[in-house]
């Protein structure tokens, strides 16, 4: 509905979707889970959005997070699937 309201204008639609993402995904989840790392949450969301229609599991999410490592230190993290679960 919001995209139609903006007559499918790409710039305005992207701005609306970014606002929804920031509000619903980042702010709400981070508020509910005080110890959640925002960078890790963003990696998980990017992975899930990139793999819509594909089978995903806690192990596959853990593998992606381990392979990408910590952006700030450049070191790989070893994240088990049950940690993600």
PDB file of N, CA and C in Angstrom:
ATOM      1  N   UNK A   1       0.805  -1.206   0.000  1.00  0.00           N
ATOM      2  CA  UNK A   1       0.000   0.000   0.000  1.00  0.00           C
ATOM      3  C   UNK A   1       0.849   1.271   0.000  1.00  0.00           C
ATOM      4  N   UNK A   2       1.919   1.285   0.781  1.00  0.00           N
ATOM      5  CA  UNK A   2       2.730   2.504   0.847  1.00  0.00           C
ATOM      6  C   UNK A   2       3.436   2.753  -0.480  1.00  0.00           C
ATOM      7  N   UNK A   3       3.854   1.684  -1.146  1.00  0.00           N
ATOM      8  CA  UNK A   3       4.540   1.851  -2.429  1.00  0.00           C
ATOM      9  C   UNK A   3       3.586   2.383  -3.484  1.00  0.00           C
ATOM     10  N   UNK A   4       2.366   1.917  -3.439  1.00  0.00           N
ATOM     11  CA  UNK A   4       1.373   2.411  -4.393  1.00  0.00           C
ATOM     12  C   UNK A   4       1.054   3.883  -4.118  1.00  0.00           C
ATOM     13  N   UNK A   5       1.002   4.231  -2.833  1.00  0.00           N
ATOM     14  CA  UNK A   5       0.727   5.622  -2.461  1.00  0.00           C
ATOM     15  C   UNK A   5       1.792   6.553  -3.040  1.00  0.00           C
ATOM     16  N   UNK A   6       3.022   6.065  -3.120  1.00  0.00           N
ATOM     17  CA  UNK A   6       4.117   6.863  -3.686  1.00  0.00           C
ATOM     18  C   UNK A   6       4.235   6.677  -5.199  1.00  0.00           C
ATOM     19  N   UNK A   7       3.194   6.087  -5.813  1.00  0.00           N
ATOM     20  CA  UNK A   7       3.174   5.838  -7.260  1.00  0.00           C
ATOM     21  C   UNK A   7       4.410   5.079  -7.719  1.00  0.00           C
ATOM     22  N   UNK A   8       4.883   4.190  -6.867  1.00  0.00           N
ATOM     23  CA  UNK A   8       6.026   3.333  -7.158  1.00  0.00           C
ATOM     24  C   UNK A   8       7.282   4.128  -7.501  1.00  0.00           C
ATOM     25  N   UNK A   9       7.372   5.347  -6.975  1.00  0.00           N
ATOM     26  CA  UNK A   9       8.573   6.160  -7.137  1.00  0.00           C
ATOM     27  C   UNK A   9       9.697   5.464  -6.376  1.00  0.00           C
ATOM     28  N   UNK A  10      10.760   5.112  -7.075  1.00  0.00           N
ATOM     29  CA  UNK A  10      11.812   4.289  -6.480  1.00  0.00           C
ATOM     30  C   UNK A  10      12.472   4.947  -5.268  1.00  0.00           C
ATOM     31  N   UNK A  11      12.818   6.194  -5.373  1.00  0.00           N
ATOM     32  CA  UNK A  11      13.503   6.878  -4.269  1.00  0.00           C
ATOM     33  C   UNK A  11      12.610   6.966  -3.036  1.00  0.00           C
ATOM     34  N   UNK A  12      11.367   7.376  -3.215  1.00  0.00           N
ATOM     35  CA  UNK A  12      10.444   7.499  -2.077  1.00  0.00           C
ATOM     36  C   UNK A  12      10.097   6.129  -1.504  1.00  0.00           C
ATOM     37  N   UNK A  13       9.948   5.135  -2.377  1.00  0.00           N
ATOM     38  CA  UNK A  13       9.638   3.781  -1.919  1.00  0.00           C
ATOM     39  C   UNK A  13      10.789   3.218  -1.095  1.00  0.00           C
ATOM     40  N   UNK A  14      12.024   3.419  -1.565  1.00  0.00           N
ATOM     41  CA  UNK A  14      13.187   2.945  -0.811  1.00  0.00           C
ATOM     42  C   UNK A  14      13.280   3.623   0.544  1.00  0.00           C
ATOM     43  N   UNK A  15      12.980   4.907   0.576  1.00  0.00           N
ATOM     44  CA  UNK A  15      13.012   5.650   1.833  1.00  0.00           C
ATOM     45  C   UNK A  15      11.964   5.097   2.804  1.00  0.00           C
ATOM     46  N   UNK A  16      10.770   4.800   2.295  1.00  0.00           N
ATOM     47  CA  UNK A  16       9.713   4.243   3.141  1.00  0.00           C
ATOM     48  C   UNK A  16      10.106   2.867   3.667  1.00  0.00           C
ATOM     49  N   UNK A  17      10.665   2.022   2.799  1.00  0.00           N
ATOM     50  CA  UNK A  17      11.068   0.679   3.216  1.00  0.00           C
ATOM     51  C   UNK A  17      12.214   0.728   4.225  1.00  0.00           C
ATOM     52  N   UNK A  18      13.149   1.642   4.046  1.00  0.00           N
ATOM     53  CA  UNK A  18      14.238   1.794   5.014  1.00  0.00           C
ATOM     54  C   UNK A  18      13.701   2.236   6.374  1.00  0.00           C
ATOM     55  N   UNK A  19      12.701   3.101   6.364  1.00  0.00           N
ATOM     56  CA  UNK A  19      12.088   3.534   7.616  1.00  0.00           C
ATOM     57  C   UNK A  19      11.396   2.393   8.330  1.00  0.00           C
ATOM     58  N   UNK A  20      10.687   1.572   7.578  1.00  0.00           N
ATOM     59  CA  UNK A  20      10.014   0.406   8.165  1.00  0.00           C
ATOM     60  C   UNK A  20      11.048  -0.555   8.736  1.00  0.00           C
ATOM     61  N   UNK A  21      12.093  -0.821   7.962  1.00  0.00           N
ATOM     62  CA  UNK A  21      13.152  -1.731   8.405  1.00  0.00           C
ATOM     63  C   UNK A  21      13.798  -1.207   9.687  1.00  0.00           C
ATOM     64  N   UNK A  22      14.143   0.067   9.696  1.00  0.00           N
ATOM     65  CA  UNK A  22      14.800   0.648  10.871  1.00  0.00           C
ATOM     66  C   UNK A  22      13.908   0.584  12.100  1.00  0.00           C
ATOM     67  N   UNK A  23      12.629   0.874  11.919  1.00  0.00           N
ATOM     68  CA  UNK A  23      11.706   0.893  13.047  1.00  0.00           C
ATOM     69  C   UNK A  23      11.370  -0.507  13.527  1.00  0.00           C
ATOM     70  N   UNK A  24      10.908  -1.339  12.624  1.00  0.00           N
ATOM     71  CA  UNK A  24      10.404  -2.652  13.013  1.00  0.00           C
ATOM     72  C   UNK A  24      11.529  -3.607  13.354  1.00  0.00           C
ATOM     73  N   UNK A  25      12.473  -3.733  12.462  1.00  0.00           N
ATOM     74  CA  UNK A  25      13.505  -4.742  12.654  1.00  0.00           C
ATOM     75  C   UNK A  25      14.544  -4.292  13.672  1.00  0.00           C
ATOM     76  N   UNK A  26      15.197  -3.203  13.387  1.00  0.00           N
ATOM     77  CA  UNK A  26      16.310  -2.816  14.250  1.00  0.00           C
ATOM     78  C   UNK A  26      15.865  -2.312  15.615  1.00  0.00           C
ATOM     79  N   UNK A  27      15.060  -1.271  15.637  1.00  0.00           N
ATOM     80  CA  UNK A  27      14.713  -0.665  16.925  1.00  0.00           C
ATOM     81  C   UNK A  27      13.923  -1.619  17.812  1.00  0.00           C
ATOM     82  N   UNK A  28      12.874  -2.236  17.277  1.00  0.00           N
ATOM     83  CA  UNK A  28      12.032  -3.099  18.101  1.00  0.00           C
ATOM     84  C   UNK A  28      12.793  -4.315  18.616  1.00  0.00           C
ATOM     85  N   UNK A  29      13.548  -4.961  17.756  1.00  0.00           N
ATOM     86  CA  UNK A  29      14.290  -6.150  18.183  1.00  0.00           C
ATOM     87  C   UNK A  29      15.382  -5.770  19.170  1.00  0.00           C
ATOM     88  N   UNK A  30      16.094  -4.687  18.891  1.00  0.00           N
ATOM     89  CA  UNK A  30      17.166  -4.269  19.799  1.00  0.00           C
ATOM     90  C   UNK A  30      16.618  -3.853  21.159  1.00  0.00           C
ATOM     91  N   UNK A  31      15.446  -3.229  21.187  1.00  0.00           N
ATOM     92  CA  UNK A  31      14.846  -2.834  22.468  1.00  0.00           C
ATOM     93  C   UNK A  31      14.426  -4.051  23.280  1.00  0.00           C
ATOM     94  N   UNK A  32      13.895  -5.061  22.610  1.00  0.00           N
ATOM     95  CA  UNK A  32      13.430  -6.257  23.323  1.00  0.00           C
ATOM     96  C   UNK A  32      14.587  -7.104  23.826  1.00  0.00           C
ATOM     97  N   UNK A  33      15.691  -7.066  23.115  1.00  0.00           N
ATOM     98  CA  UNK A  33      16.855  -7.884  23.462  1.00  0.00           C
ATOM     99  C   UNK A  33      18.036  -6.964  23.713  1.00  0.00           C
ATOM    100  N   UNK A  34      18.151  -6.502  24.934  1.00  0.00           N
ATOM    101  CA  UNK A  34      19.153  -5.491  25.269  1.00  0.00           C
ATOM    102  C   UNK A  34      20.579  -5.883  24.913  1.00  0.00           C
ATOM    103  N   UNK A  35      20.908  -7.158  24.949  1.00  0.00           N
ATOM    104  CA  UNK A  35      22.281  -7.585  24.687  1.00  0.00           C
ATOM    105  C   UNK A  35      22.577  -7.849  23.227  1.00  0.00           C
ATOM    106  N   UNK A  36      21.628  -7.583  22.350  1.00  0.00           N
ATOM    107  CA  UNK A  36      21.809  -7.886  20.935  1.00  0.00           C
ATOM    108  C   UNK A  36      22.761  -6.893  20.284  1.00  0.00           C
ATOM    109  N   UNK A  37      23.697  -7.427  19.515  1.00  0.00           N
ATOM    110  CA  UNK A  37      24.661  -6.613  18.780  1.00  0.00           C
ATOM    111  C   UNK A  37      24.026  -6.180  17.458  1.00  0.00           C
ATOM    112  N   UNK A  38      23.952  -4.875  17.216  1.00  0.00           N
ATOM    113  CA  UNK A  38      23.277  -4.352  16.028  1.00  0.00           C
ATOM    114  C   UNK A  38      23.947  -4.826  14.741  1.00  0.00           C
ATOM    115  N   UNK A  39      25.261  -4.865  14.698  1.00  0.00           N
ATOM    116  CA  UNK A  39      25.966  -5.292  13.482  1.00  0.00           C
ATOM    117  C   UNK A  39      25.646  -6.751  13.161  1.00  0.00           C
ATOM    118  N   UNK A  40      25.599  -7.596  14.182  1.00  0.00           N
ATOM    119  CA  UNK A  40      25.276  -9.007  13.977  1.00  0.00           C
ATOM    120  C   UNK A  40      23.836  -9.163  13.521  1.00  0.00           C
ATOM    121  N   UNK A  41      22.929  -8.413  14.120  1.00  0.00           N
ATOM    122  CA  UNK A  41      21.525  -8.460  13.708  1.00  0.00           C
ATOM    123  C   UNK A  41      21.382  -8.042  12.249  1.00  0.00           C
ATOM    124  N   UNK A  42      22.095  -7.006  11.842  1.00  0.00           N
ATOM    125  CA  UNK A  42      22.024  -6.559  10.453  1.00  0.00           C
ATOM    126  C   UNK A  42      22.563  -7.624   9.501  1.00  0.00           C
ATOM    127  N   UNK A  43      23.627  -8.326   9.895  1.00  0.00           N
ATOM    128  CA  UNK A  43      24.165  -9.410   9.062  1.00  0.00           C
ATOM    129  C   UNK A  43      23.138 -10.528   8.905  1.00  0.00           C
ATOM    130  N   UNK A  44      22.477 -10.873  10.013  1.00  0.00           N
ATOM    131  CA  UNK A  44      21.465 -11.933   9.964  1.00  0.00           C
ATOM    132  C   UNK A  44      20.311 -11.520   9.059  1.00  0.00           C
ATOM    133  N   UNK A  45      19.837 -10.290   9.204  1.00  0.00           N
ATOM    134  CA  UNK A  45      18.724  -9.816   8.381  1.00  0.00           C
ATOM    135  C   UNK A  45      19.105  -9.776   6.907  1.00  0.00           C
ATOM    136  N   UNK A  46      20.317  -9.328   6.592  1.00  0.00           N
ATOM    137  CA  UNK A  46      20.776  -9.297   5.207  1.00  0.00           C
ATOM    138  C   UNK A  46      20.828 -10.707   4.632  1.00  0.00           C
ATOM    139  N   UNK A  47      21.335 -11.650   5.423  1.00  0.00           N
ATOM    140  CA  UNK A  47      21.395 -13.040   4.988  1.00  0.00           C
ATOM    141  C   UNK A  47      19.994 -13.587   4.722  1.00  0.00           C
ATOM    142  N   UNK A  48      19.067 -13.352   5.656  1.00  0.00           N
ATOM    143  CA  UNK A  48      17.705 -13.867   5.491  1.00  0.00           C
ATOM    144  C   UNK A  48      17.012 -13.239   4.284  1.00  0.00           C
ATOM    145  N   UNK A  49      17.172 -11.936   4.104  1.00  0.00           N
ATOM    146  CA  UNK A  49      16.547 -11.259   2.960  1.00  0.00           C
ATOM    147  C   UNK A  49      17.162 -11.716   1.642  1.00  0.00           C
ATOM    148  N   UNK A  50      18.445 -12.011   1.653  1.00  0.00           N
ATOM    149  CA  UNK A  50      19.124 -12.465   0.435  1.00  0.00           C
ATOM    150  C   UNK A  50      18.760 -13.900   0.087  1.00  0.00           C
ATOM    151  N   UNK A  51      18.249 -14.633   1.055  1.00  0.00           N
ATOM    152  CA  UNK A  51      17.956 -16.048   0.841  1.00  0.00           C
ATOM    153  C   UNK A  51      16.473 -16.371   0.937  1.00  0.00           C
ATOM    154  N   UNK A  52      15.634 -15.380   0.674  1.00  0.00           N
ATOM    155  CA  UNK A  52      14.194 -15.637   0.668  1.00  0.00           C
ATOM    156  C   UNK A  52      13.909 -16.687  -0.400  1.00  0.00           C
ATOM    157  N   UNK A  53      13.168 -17.685  -0.042  1.00  0.00           N
ATOM    158  CA  UNK A  53      12.847 -18.762  -0.971  1.00  0.00           C
ATOM    159  C   UNK A  53      13.806 -19.931  -0.863  1.00  0.00           C
ATOM    160  N   UNK A  54      14.889 -19.766  -0.130  1.00  0.00           N
ATOM    161  CA  UNK A  54      15.851 -20.846   0.078  1.00  0.00           C
ATOM    162  C   UNK A  54      15.679 -21.402   1.485  1.00  0.00           C
ATOM    163  N   UNK A  55      16.058 -22.639   1.636  1.00  0.00           N
ATOM    164  CA  UNK A  55      16.003 -23.255   2.958  1.00  0.00           C
ATOM    165  C   UNK A  55      17.160 -22.704   3.782  1.00  0.00           C
ATOM    166  N   UNK A  56      16.842 -22.196   4.955  1.00  0.00           N
ATOM    167  CA  UNK A  56      17.879 -21.698   5.862  1.00  0.00           C
ATOM    168  C   UNK A  56      17.765 -22.430   7.184  1.00  0.00           C
ATOM    169  N   UNK A  57      18.855 -22.464   7.906  1.00  0.00           N
ATOM    170  CA  UNK A  57      18.880 -23.128   9.203  1.00  0.00           C
ATOM    171  C   UNK A  57      19.783 -22.333  10.135  1.00  0.00           C
ATOM    172  N   UNK A  58      19.685 -22.601  11.425  1.00  0.00           N
ATOM    173  CA  UNK A  58      20.609 -21.935  12.343  1.00  0.00           C
ATOM    174  C   UNK A  58      22.075 -22.188  11.974  1.00  0.00           C
ATOM    175  N   UNK A  59      22.366 -23.400  11.468  1.00  0.00           N
ATOM    176  CA  UNK A  59      23.744 -23.705  11.070  1.00  0.00           C
ATOM    177  C   UNK A  59      24.199 -22.831   9.911  1.00  0.00           C
ATOM    178  N   UNK A  60      23.330 -22.624   8.914  1.00  0.00           N
ATOM    179  CA  UNK A  60      23.731 -21.798   7.767  1.00  0.00           C
ATOM    180  C   UNK A  60      23.932 -20.345   8.185  1.00  0.00           C
ATOM    181  N   UNK A  61      23.110 -19.853   9.093  1.00  0.00           N
ATOM    182  CA  UNK A  61      23.285 -18.485   9.598  1.00  0.00           C
ATOM    183  C   UNK A  61      24.588 -18.397  10.389  1.00  0.00           C
ATOM    184  N   UNK A  62      24.839 -19.378  11.241  1.00  0.00           N
ATOM    185  CA  UNK A  62      26.080 -19.405  12.018  1.00  0.00           C
ATOM    186  C   UNK A  62      27.307 -19.456  11.126  1.00  0.00           C
ATOM    187  N   UNK A  63      27.229 -20.234  10.033  1.00  0.00           N
ATOM    188  CA  UNK A  63      28.354 -20.321   9.100  1.00  0.00           C
ATOM    189  C   UNK A  63      28.640 -18.983   8.442  1.00  0.00           C
ATOM    190  N   UNK A  64      27.591 -18.290   8.033  1.00  0.00           N
ATOM    191  CA  UNK A  64      27.776 -16.981   7.402  1.00  0.00           C
ATOM    192  C   UNK A  64      28.398 -16.004   8.390  1.00  0.00           C
ATOM    193  N   UNK A  65      27.896 -15.985   9.610  1.00  0.00           N
ATOM    194  CA  UNK A  65      28.443 -15.078  10.619  1.00  0.00           C
ATOM    195  C   UNK A  65      29.899 -15.420  10.938  1.00  0.00           C
ATOM    196  N   UNK A  66      30.217 -16.700  10.994  1.00  0.00           N
ATOM    197  CA  UNK A  66      31.597 -17.112  11.267  1.00  0.00           C
ATOM    198  C   UNK A  66      32.524 -16.717  10.130  1.00  0.00           C
ATOM    199  N   UNK A  67      32.075 -16.926   8.892  1.00  0.00           N
ATOM    200  CA  UNK A  67      32.905 -16.623   7.728  1.00  0.00           C
ATOM    201  C   UNK A  67      33.144 -15.132   7.559  1.00  0.00           C
ATOM    202  N   UNK A  68      32.137 -14.317   7.865  1.00  0.00           N
ATOM    203  CA  UNK A  68      32.290 -12.871   7.713  1.00  0.00           C
ATOM    204  C   UNK A  68      33.141 -12.279   8.821  1.00  0.00           C
ATOM    205  N   UNK A  69      33.117 -12.875   9.988  1.00  0.00           N
ATOM    206  CA  UNK A  69      33.930 -12.392  11.089  1.00  0.00           C
ATOM    207  C   UNK A  69      33.448 -11.074  11.654  1.00  0.00           C
ATOM    208  N   UNK A  70      34.268 -10.496  12.461  1.00  0.00           N
ATOM    209  CA  UNK A  70      33.969  -9.228  13.121  1.00  0.00           C
ATOM    210  C   UNK A  70      34.507  -8.091  12.259  1.00  0.00           C
ATOM    211  N   UNK A  71      33.628  -7.227  11.822  1.00  0.00           N
ATOM    212  CA  UNK A  71      34.015  -6.128  10.941  1.00  0.00           C
ATOM    213  C   UNK A  71      35.051  -5.224  11.618  1.00  0.00           C
ATOM    214  N   UNK A  72      34.888  -4.965  12.894  1.00  0.00           N
ATOM    215  CA  UNK A  72      35.767  -4.020  13.586  1.00  0.00           C
ATOM    216  C   UNK A  72      37.184  -4.562  13.765  1.00  0.00           C
ATOM    217  N   UNK A  73      37.319  -5.840  14.098  1.00  0.00           N
ATOM    218  CA  UNK A  73      38.647  -6.392  14.358  1.00  0.00           C
ATOM    219  C   UNK A  73      39.206  -7.161  13.173  1.00  0.00           C
ATOM    220  N   UNK A  74      38.346  -7.567  12.242  1.00  0.00           N
ATOM    221  CA  UNK A  74      38.795  -8.358  11.101  1.00  0.00           C
ATOM    222  C   UNK A  74      39.028  -9.819  11.446  1.00  0.00           C
ATOM    223  N   UNK A  75      38.715 -10.221  12.674  1.00  0.00           N
ATOM    224  CA  UNK A  75      38.924 -11.601  13.098  1.00  0.00           C
ATOM    225  C   UNK A  75      37.662 -12.415  12.874  1.00  0.00           C
ATOM    226  N   UNK A  76      37.870 -13.685  12.518  1.00  0.00           N
ATOM    227  CA  UNK A  76      36.725 -14.569  12.355  1.00  0.00           C
ATOM    228  C   UNK A  76      36.177 -14.948  13.723  1.00  0.00           C
ATOM    229  N   UNK A  77      34.852 -15.118  13.758  1.00  0.00           N
ATOM    230  CA  UNK A  77      34.199 -15.595  14.969  1.00  0.00           C
ATOM    231  C   UNK A  77      33.769 -17.030  14.714  1.00  0.00           C
ATOM    232  N   UNK A  78      33.790 -17.843  15.730  1.00  0.00           N
ATOM    233  CA  UNK A  78      33.325 -19.212  15.615  1.00  0.00           C
ATOM    234  C   UNK A  78      31.956 -19.286  16.278  1.00  0.00           C
ATOM    235  N   UNK A  79      30.902 -19.295  15.463  1.00  0.00           N
ATOM    236  CA  UNK A  79      29.536 -19.248  15.977  1.00  0.00           C
ATOM    237  C   UNK A  79      28.840 -20.564  15.654  1.00  0.00           C
ATOM    238  N   UNK A  80      28.392 -21.252  16.674  1.00  0.00           N
ATOM    239  CA  UNK A  80      27.703 -22.524  16.493  1.00  0.00           C
ATOM    240  C   UNK A  80      26.251 -22.285  16.108  1.00  0.00           C
ATOM    241  N   UNK A  81      25.690 -23.240  15.367  1.00  0.00           N
ATOM    242  CA  UNK A  81      24.296 -23.141  14.960  1.00  0.00           C
ATOM    243  C   UNK A  81      23.352 -23.046  16.136  1.00  0.00           C
ATOM    244  N   UNK A  82      23.662 -23.767  17.223  1.00  0.00           N
ATOM    245  CA  UNK A  82      22.764 -23.727  18.384  1.00  0.00           C
ATOM    246  C   UNK A  82      22.794 -22.367  19.074  1.00  0.00           C
ATOM    247  N   UNK A  83      23.859 -21.588  18.869  1.00  0.00           N
ATOM    248  CA  UNK A  83      23.899 -20.223  19.394  1.00  0.00           C
ATOM    249  C   UNK A  83      22.869 -19.369  18.684  1.00  0.00           C
ATOM    250  N   UNK A  84      22.753 -19.534  17.377  1.00  0.00           N
ATOM    251  CA  UNK A  84      21.792 -18.781  16.573  1.00  0.00           C
ATOM    252  C   UNK A  84      20.385 -19.236  16.891  1.00  0.00           C
ATOM    253  N   UNK A  85      20.213 -20.537  17.068  1.00  0.00           N
ATOM    254  CA  UNK A  85      18.909 -21.125  17.347  1.00  0.00           C
ATOM    255  C   UNK A  85      18.368 -20.539  18.619  1.00  0.00           C
TER     256      UNK A  85
END
